[in-house]
Amino acid sequence: MNQSGVPEPNIEYAPKHYICKRATEPLILDGRVDKHFWTEADWSDDFVDIEGDLRPKPTKRTRVKMLWDDDYFYFAAELMEEQIWATLTERDSVIFYDNDFEIFIDPDGDTHQYYEFEINALNTVWDLLLVKPYRDGGPPVNAWDINGLQTAVHIDGELNCPSAVNRKWSVEVAMPWTSLRECALEGRPPVKGEFWRVNFSRVDWRVEVKEDEYCKVVNPDTGKPYPEDNWVWSPMGIINMHYPELWGYVVFADKYGPEYFEPSPDERMKWELRKLYYRERNFFANNGEFTTDVKMLMGNEAWSITPTIEATSRLFLISAPSSDGSATLYIREDGKLWKE
């Protein structure tokens, strides 16, 4: 078990939410997001920096749409871009070495057993399953594939051509429930009224033109490319997408809505348990042992939970009654969070 520290995100807990309506017709993928299929789907909020308000707003607009039906979870993304380029052509390459668009899905919200998907402007994809977040020891399962996956990219301009007049590239993705249900509650697709935890990321590298080709701009002080920008739908407060507890809520609805979603009080309580998990892990990193001193971990902040901590030399379990008192919420040293 990895007992290293876990940075606590610098953010107020306020994940975005999206009402995902049912599709009313089949999708024929061509990468265009301006066709009739997507008419009833709302655009998400524009993406922000991964650290949220700590960093300036992105210089290029990114937004997504979602729909669902009995067979697929559908995604559309629009990425405004004057420099459209990609180099990677082999499936399961490390796609974020190019500019890319990424989807993260945790079906049951326990932060374990979740999916990551990346795609570049060449329509090359990387799909993998994370047994646990990297902070909790991973590992990623690169051999896992979304069987039946459908993807398409549309280029509004010309790919890998610096002299072209480029406006944007857009993506369509259809993920079948037959693959996604593997890590879902009761091994099934969602039903109306349920939510899954989802987030999106856009990686954007600083590039320049040399000999009529796009090249990453190299920092002369390091000899390496400047760090990429990371723009996301629901901000993380930390430069790390693998904090599933901060991903947005995607609520599955019929074609009419509802118009609004209010998370249950238990969701706030889960976040408070998660903060204690960060602090317990960090206490171990500094002291070589876990603590059962609840007051010390909680500090002077206002909390809605009344937690109990059990700990051994290598393990801990933090619990608290649910909001209505009918169940108990738990989190343990490897970050798994559940209710029973």
Protein backbone atom coordinates (compact mmCIF):
# COMPACT_ATOMS: atom_id res chain seq x y z
CA MET A 1 0.00 0.00 0.00
CA ASN A 2 1.34 3.44 -0.99
CA GLN A 3 1.36 5.61 2.13
CA SER A 4 2.67 8.78 0.54
CA GLY A 5 0.99 12.11 1.07
CA VAL A 6 -2.05 13.14 -0.98
CA PRO A 7 -2.25 16.85 -1.86
CA GLU A 8 -5.53 18.42 -0.78
CA PRO A 9 -7.12 20.32 -3.71
CA ASN A 10 -7.39 24.08 -3.26
CA ILE A 11 -11.06 24.38 -4.15
CA GLU A 12 -14.52 24.72 -2.69
CA TYR A 13 -16.61 21.61 -3.31
CA ALA A 14 -19.00 22.60 -6.12
CA PRO A 15 -18.78 20.08 -9.01
CA LYS A 16 -20.63 21.04 -12.18
CA HIS A 17 -23.74 19.09 -13.18
CA TYR A 18 -25.29 18.28 -16.55
CA ILE A 19 -28.75 16.97 -17.38
CA CYS A 20 -28.19 14.23 -19.97
CA LYS A 21 -31.36 13.77 -22.01
CA ARG A 22 -32.36 10.71 -24.00
CA ALA A 23 -31.53 10.68 -27.69
CA THR A 24 -34.53 10.51 -30.01
CA GLU A 25 -32.78 9.08 -33.08
CA PRO A 26 -29.73 6.96 -33.98
CA LEU A 27 -26.37 8.71 -34.30
CA ILE A 28 -24.44 8.51 -37.55
CA LEU A 29 -20.99 9.70 -36.52
CA ASP A 30 -19.08 12.13 -38.72
CA GLY A 31 -17.55 14.36 -36.08
CA ARG A 32 -19.91 17.26 -36.80
CA VAL A 33 -21.80 18.54 -33.80
CA ASP A 34 -24.17 20.88 -35.64
CA LYS A 35 -26.55 18.21 -36.94
CA HIS A 36 -30.12 17.41 -35.86
CA PHE A 37 -29.13 14.59 -33.51
CA TRP A 38 -27.60 17.09 -31.06
CA THR A 39 -30.36 19.73 -31.23
CA GLU A 40 -32.02 18.84 -27.91
CA ALA A 41 -28.74 18.48 -26.00
CA ASP A 42 -27.57 21.57 -24.12
CA TRP A 43 -24.00 22.77 -24.30
CA SER A 44 -22.02 22.47 -21.10
CA ASP A 45 -20.43 25.46 -19.46
CA ASP A 46 -17.25 26.52 -21.22
CA PHE A 47 -14.15 24.76 -19.92
CA VAL A 48 -11.99 26.45 -17.30
CA ASP A 49 -8.42 25.92 -16.15
CA ILE A 50 -7.93 22.67 -14.25
CA GLU A 51 -7.06 24.68 -11.13
CA GLY A 52 -10.25 26.72 -11.44
CA ASP A 53 -10.19 30.36 -10.36
CA LEU A 54 -6.54 30.06 -9.32
CA ARG A 55 -5.56 30.41 -12.98
CA PRO A 56 -6.69 32.60 -15.92
CA LYS A 57 -9.56 31.46 -18.10
CA PRO A 58 -8.58 29.43 -21.19
CA THR A 59 -7.69 31.34 -24.33
CA LYS A 60 -9.67 28.92 -26.52
CA ARG A 61 -13.27 27.83 -26.04
CA THR A 62 -14.12 24.19 -25.33
CA ARG A 63 -17.57 22.77 -24.57
CA VAL A 64 -19.40 19.44 -24.69
CA LYS A 65 -22.82 17.88 -25.14
CA MET A 66 -24.13 14.51 -23.93
CA LEU A 67 -27.07 12.25 -24.73
CA TRP A 68 -27.94 8.63 -23.96
CA ASP A 69 -30.24 5.82 -25.04
CA ASP A 70 -30.62 2.12 -24.32
CA ASP A 71 -27.40 1.25 -26.15
CA TYR A 72 -24.91 4.13 -25.89
CA PHE A 73 -23.54 7.05 -23.91
CA TYR A 74 -23.00 9.80 -26.50
CA PHE A 75 -20.52 12.68 -26.33
CA ALA A 76 -19.88 15.68 -28.57
CA ALA A 77 -17.04 18.15 -28.10
CA GLU A 78 -16.20 21.40 -29.84
CA LEU A 79 -12.62 22.70 -29.54
CA MET A 80 -11.92 26.14 -31.01
CA GLU A 81 -8.41 26.05 -32.46
CA GLU A 82 -6.34 27.98 -35.01
CA GLN A 83 -3.48 25.46 -34.89
CA ILE A 84 -4.93 22.01 -35.61
CA TRP A 85 -2.29 19.31 -35.47
CA ALA A 86 -1.75 15.71 -34.40
CA THR A 87 1.01 13.14 -34.82
CA LEU A 88 -0.01 9.91 -33.04
CA THR A 89 -1.68 7.21 -35.13
CA GLU A 90 -1.41 4.03 -33.03
CA ARG A 91 -4.25 3.11 -30.69
CA ASP A 92 -3.38 3.34 -26.98
CA SER A 93 -0.49 5.72 -27.62
CA VAL A 94 -0.07 8.35 -24.91
CA ILE A 95 -2.45 10.69 -26.70
CA PHE A 96 -1.90 13.71 -24.45
CA TYR A 97 1.55 14.11 -26.01
CA ASP A 98 -0.57 15.67 -28.77
CA ASN A 99 -3.32 18.20 -28.23
CA ASP A 100 -6.28 16.08 -27.22
CA PHE A 101 -9.79 15.76 -25.77
CA GLU A 102 -10.33 13.45 -22.78
CA ILE A 103 -13.32 11.83 -21.04
CA PHE A 104 -13.24 10.42 -17.49
CA ILE A 105 -16.11 8.29 -16.14
CA ASP A 106 -16.65 6.85 -12.65
CA PRO A 107 -20.00 5.03 -12.88
CA ASP A 108 -20.60 4.31 -9.17
CA GLY A 109 -18.76 7.25 -7.65
CA ASP A 110 -16.53 5.27 -5.27
CA THR A 111 -13.35 6.66 -7.01
CA HIS A 112 -12.16 3.14 -7.89
CA GLN A 113 -12.72 1.20 -11.12
CA TYR A 114 -13.15 4.10 -13.55
CA TYR A 115 -12.51 4.83 -17.22
CA GLU A 116 -10.27 7.23 -19.12
CA PHE A 117 -10.58 8.00 -22.83
CA GLU A 118 -8.39 10.29 -24.95
CA ILE A 119 -8.63 11.27 -28.64
CA ASN A 120 -6.58 13.52 -30.92
CA ALA A 121 -7.42 15.28 -34.17
CA LEU A 122 -6.33 12.21 -36.16
CA ASN A 123 -9.13 10.23 -34.45
CA THR A 124 -6.54 8.11 -32.63
CA VAL A 125 -7.80 6.92 -29.25
CA TRP A 126 -6.43 5.70 -25.95
CA ASP A 127 -8.89 3.94 -23.67
CA LEU A 128 -7.97 2.46 -20.32
CA LEU A 129 -9.41 1.33 -17.03
CA LEU A 130 -8.04 2.57 -13.71
CA VAL A 131 -8.35 0.06 -10.88
CA LYS A 132 -7.55 2.88 -8.45
CA PRO A 133 -6.27 6.45 -8.83
CA TYR A 134 -2.49 6.69 -9.13
CA ARG A 135 -2.34 8.25 -5.64
CA ASP A 136 -3.78 5.00 -4.28
CA GLY A 137 -1.47 2.68 -6.18
CA GLY A 138 -3.28 2.34 -9.50
CA PRO A 139 -2.69 0.49 -11.71
CA PRO A 140 -3.95 1.51 -15.16
CA VAL A 141 -5.12 -1.34 -17.38
CA ASN A 142 -4.01 -0.27 -20.85
CA ALA A 143 -5.12 -3.53 -22.45
CA TRP A 144 -8.76 -2.76 -21.57
CA ASP A 145 -10.76 -1.57 -24.58
CA ILE A 146 -14.25 -0.12 -24.97
CA ASN A 147 -15.63 -2.84 -27.21
CA GLY A 148 -18.01 -1.39 -29.78
CA LEU A 149 -16.61 2.13 -29.37
CA GLN A 150 -17.45 4.54 -32.19
CA THR A 151 -15.59 7.82 -32.75
CA ALA A 152 -15.31 10.49 -35.43
CA VAL A 153 -13.45 13.80 -35.80
CA HIS A 154 -14.36 16.75 -38.02
CA ILE A 155 -11.74 19.37 -38.94
CA ASP A 156 -13.00 22.88 -39.65
CA GLY A 157 -9.84 23.83 -41.50
CA GLU A 158 -6.93 21.57 -42.44
CA LEU A 159 -4.97 19.20 -40.23
CA ASN A 160 -1.21 19.73 -39.86
CA CYS A 161 -1.21 22.68 -42.27
CA PRO A 162 0.01 25.93 -40.69
CA SER A 163 -0.97 27.99 -43.73
CA ALA A 164 -4.63 26.89 -43.53
CA VAL A 165 -7.42 29.00 -42.09
CA ASN A 166 -8.43 26.89 -39.11
CA ARG A 167 -11.43 27.47 -36.87
CA LYS A 168 -12.00 24.36 -34.75
CA TRP A 169 -12.07 20.59 -34.53
CA SER A 170 -14.97 18.60 -33.15
CA VAL A 171 -15.43 15.09 -31.84
CA GLU A 172 -18.27 12.58 -31.56
CA VAL A 173 -18.01 9.51 -29.35
CA ALA A 174 -20.49 6.68 -28.75
CA MET A 175 -19.61 4.35 -25.87
CA PRO A 176 -21.77 1.22 -25.51
CA TRP A 177 -23.20 0.35 -22.12
CA THR A 178 -22.12 -3.25 -22.71
CA SER A 179 -18.57 -2.05 -21.91
CA LEU A 180 -19.27 0.80 -19.49
CA ARG A 181 -21.50 -1.25 -17.19
CA GLU A 182 -18.47 -3.32 -16.13
CA CYS A 183 -17.69 -0.89 -13.29
CA ALA A 184 -21.23 0.37 -12.76
CA LEU A 185 -23.67 -0.14 -9.91
CA GLU A 186 -25.05 -3.68 -10.09
CA GLY A 187 -23.18 -4.15 -13.39
CA ARG A 188 -25.89 -2.38 -15.37
CA PRO A 189 -26.45 0.81 -17.39
CA PRO A 190 -27.90 3.83 -15.57
CA VAL A 191 -31.62 4.39 -15.22
CA LYS A 192 -33.54 7.65 -15.33
CA GLY A 193 -32.80 9.81 -12.30
CA GLU A 194 -29.39 8.29 -11.51
CA PHE A 195 -26.09 10.10 -11.97
CA TRP A 196 -22.57 9.07 -12.89
CA ARG A 197 -19.44 11.08 -12.07
CA VAL A 198 -17.87 12.41 -15.29
CA ASN A 199 -15.31 15.00 -16.29
CA PHE A 200 -13.60 16.21 -19.44
CA SER A 201 -10.16 17.59 -20.13
CA ARG A 202 -8.52 19.34 -23.05
CA VAL A 203 -4.73 19.29 -23.35
CA ASP A 204 -3.29 22.19 -25.33
CA TRP A 205 0.44 22.55 -26.03
CA ARG A 206 2.26 25.74 -26.98
CA VAL A 207 3.41 25.33 -30.61
CA GLU A 208 5.24 27.34 -33.29
CA VAL A 209 5.82 26.84 -37.01
CA LYS A 210 9.19 25.65 -38.30
CA GLU A 211 9.72 24.65 -41.94
CA ASP A 212 5.95 24.72 -42.46
CA GLU A 213 5.31 22.26 -39.59
CA TYR A 214 3.91 22.68 -36.10
CA CYS A 215 6.50 22.11 -33.36
CA LYS A 216 6.17 22.37 -29.60
CA VAL A 217 7.86 25.48 -28.22
CA VAL A 218 10.92 24.50 -26.19
CA ASN A 219 11.83 26.28 -22.98
CA PRO A 220 15.51 27.26 -23.43
CA ASP A 221 16.09 26.95 -19.68
CA THR A 222 15.08 23.27 -19.58
CA GLY A 223 15.50 22.10 -23.15
CA LYS A 224 12.00 20.62 -22.93
CA PRO A 225 8.62 21.81 -24.23
CA TYR A 226 6.75 24.23 -22.02
CA PRO A 227 4.10 22.51 -19.87
CA GLU A 228 0.76 21.97 -21.53
CA ASP A 229 -2.42 23.79 -20.60
CA ASN A 230 -5.12 21.63 -19.01
CA TRP A 231 -8.68 22.91 -19.47
CA VAL A 232 -11.60 21.05 -17.92
CA TRP A 233 -15.37 21.11 -17.52
CA SER A 234 -15.52 20.77 -13.72
CA PRO A 235 -12.44 22.33 -12.06
CA MET A 236 -10.15 20.20 -9.89
CA GLY A 237 -8.22 22.73 -7.80
CA ILE A 238 -5.07 20.72 -8.53
CA ILE A 239 -3.18 19.75 -11.70
CA ASN A 240 -4.36 16.16 -11.58
CA MET A 241 -7.45 14.69 -13.24
CA HIS A 242 -7.29 11.55 -11.11
CA TYR A 243 -9.33 12.91 -8.21
CA PRO A 244 -12.68 11.40 -9.27
CA GLU A 245 -14.40 12.88 -6.21
CA LEU A 246 -14.22 16.28 -7.93
CA TRP A 247 -15.69 15.27 -11.28
CA GLY A 248 -19.08 16.58 -12.32
CA TYR A 249 -22.50 14.97 -11.92
CA VAL A 250 -24.11 13.73 -15.14
CA VAL A 251 -27.80 13.08 -14.44
CA PHE A 252 -29.60 10.70 -16.79
CA ALA A 253 -33.04 12.03 -17.73
CA ASP A 254 -35.74 11.55 -20.33
CA LYS A 255 -35.94 13.88 -23.34
CA TYR A 256 -37.70 16.58 -21.28
CA GLY A 257 -35.35 17.10 -18.38
CA PRO A 258 -35.52 17.89 -15.37
CA GLU A 259 -34.05 21.36 -15.68
CA TYR A 260 -32.07 21.28 -12.43
CA PHE A 261 -30.18 18.88 -10.19
CA GLU A 262 -29.46 19.25 -6.48
CA PRO A 263 -27.04 16.66 -5.03
CA SER A 264 -28.24 14.93 -1.88
CA PRO A 265 -26.70 15.98 1.47
CA ASP A 266 -24.78 12.70 1.42
CA GLU A 267 -22.64 14.03 -1.44
CA ARG A 268 -21.37 16.87 0.73
CA MET A 269 -20.75 14.39 3.55
CA LYS A 270 -18.72 12.19 1.19
CA TRP A 271 -16.57 15.20 0.35
CA GLU A 272 -15.96 15.85 4.04
CA LEU A 273 -14.90 12.23 4.52
CA ARG A 274 -12.61 12.69 1.53
CA LYS A 275 -10.95 15.69 3.17
CA LEU A 276 -10.25 13.56 6.24
CA TYR A 277 -8.74 10.91 3.94
CA TYR A 278 -6.35 13.53 2.48
CA ARG A 279 -5.34 14.65 5.94
CA GLU A 280 -4.96 11.13 7.32
CA ARG A 281 -2.72 10.16 4.41
CA ASN A 282 -0.67 13.32 4.85
CA PHE A 283 -0.38 12.70 8.59
CA PHE A 284 1.04 9.26 7.85
CA ALA A 285 3.52 10.69 5.34
CA ASN A 286 4.81 13.07 8.01
CA ASN A 287 4.61 10.83 11.09
CA GLY A 288 4.86 7.23 9.89
CA GLU A 289 1.51 6.29 11.43
CA PHE A 290 -2.18 7.09 11.17
CA THR A 291 -4.07 9.01 13.83
CA THR A 292 -7.46 8.56 15.50
CA ASP A 293 -7.50 12.21 16.63
CA VAL A 294 -10.59 13.38 14.79
CA LYS A 295 -10.51 16.92 16.18
CA MET A 296 -6.93 17.43 15.06
CA LEU A 297 -7.76 16.40 11.48
CA MET A 298 -10.93 18.49 11.37
CA GLY A 299 -9.35 21.68 12.70
CA ASN A 300 -11.61 24.69 13.18
CA GLU A 301 -13.68 24.29 10.03
CA ALA A 302 -17.45 23.74 10.00
CA TRP A 303 -18.39 20.12 9.27
CA SER A 304 -21.70 18.34 8.71
CA ILE A 305 -20.38 14.88 9.69
CA THR A 306 -19.66 13.28 13.04
CA PRO A 307 -16.86 10.90 12.08
CA THR A 308 -15.23 7.96 13.81
CA ILE A 309 -11.72 6.78 12.94
CA GLU A 310 -10.33 3.28 13.40
CA ALA A 311 -6.65 2.83 12.62
CA THR A 312 -3.84 0.27 12.72
CA SER A 313 -0.20 0.75 11.81
CA ARG A 314 -1.00 0.47 8.07
CA LEU A 315 -4.77 0.86 7.68
CA PHE A 316 -7.56 3.24 8.59
CA LEU A 317 -11.34 3.36 8.27
CA ILE A 318 -13.30 6.58 8.72
CA SER A 319 -17.07 6.36 9.05
CA ALA A 320 -20.00 8.71 9.61
CA PRO A 321 -23.80 8.34 9.63
CA SER A 322 -25.54 9.29 6.40
CA SER A 323 -27.64 12.44 6.27
CA ASP A 324 -30.87 10.65 7.20
CA GLY A 325 -29.22 8.25 9.64
CA SER A 326 -30.38 5.18 7.73
CA ALA A 327 -26.91 4.09 6.60
CA THR A 328 -23.20 4.66 7.20
CA LEU A 329 -20.63 6.25 4.90
CA TYR A 330 -17.10 4.81 4.89
CA ILE A 331 -13.71 5.71 3.45
CA ARG A 332 -10.50 3.74 3.87
CA GLU A 333 -6.77 4.29 3.40
CA ASP A 334 -6.76 3.46 -0.33
CA GLY A 335 -9.45 6.07 -1.00
CA LYS A 336 -12.41 3.76 -1.66
CA LEU A 337 -15.63 5.40 -0.45
CA TRP A 338 -18.94 3.60 -0.05
CA LYS A 339 -22.28 3.55 1.75
CA GLU A 340 -23.97 0.63 3.48
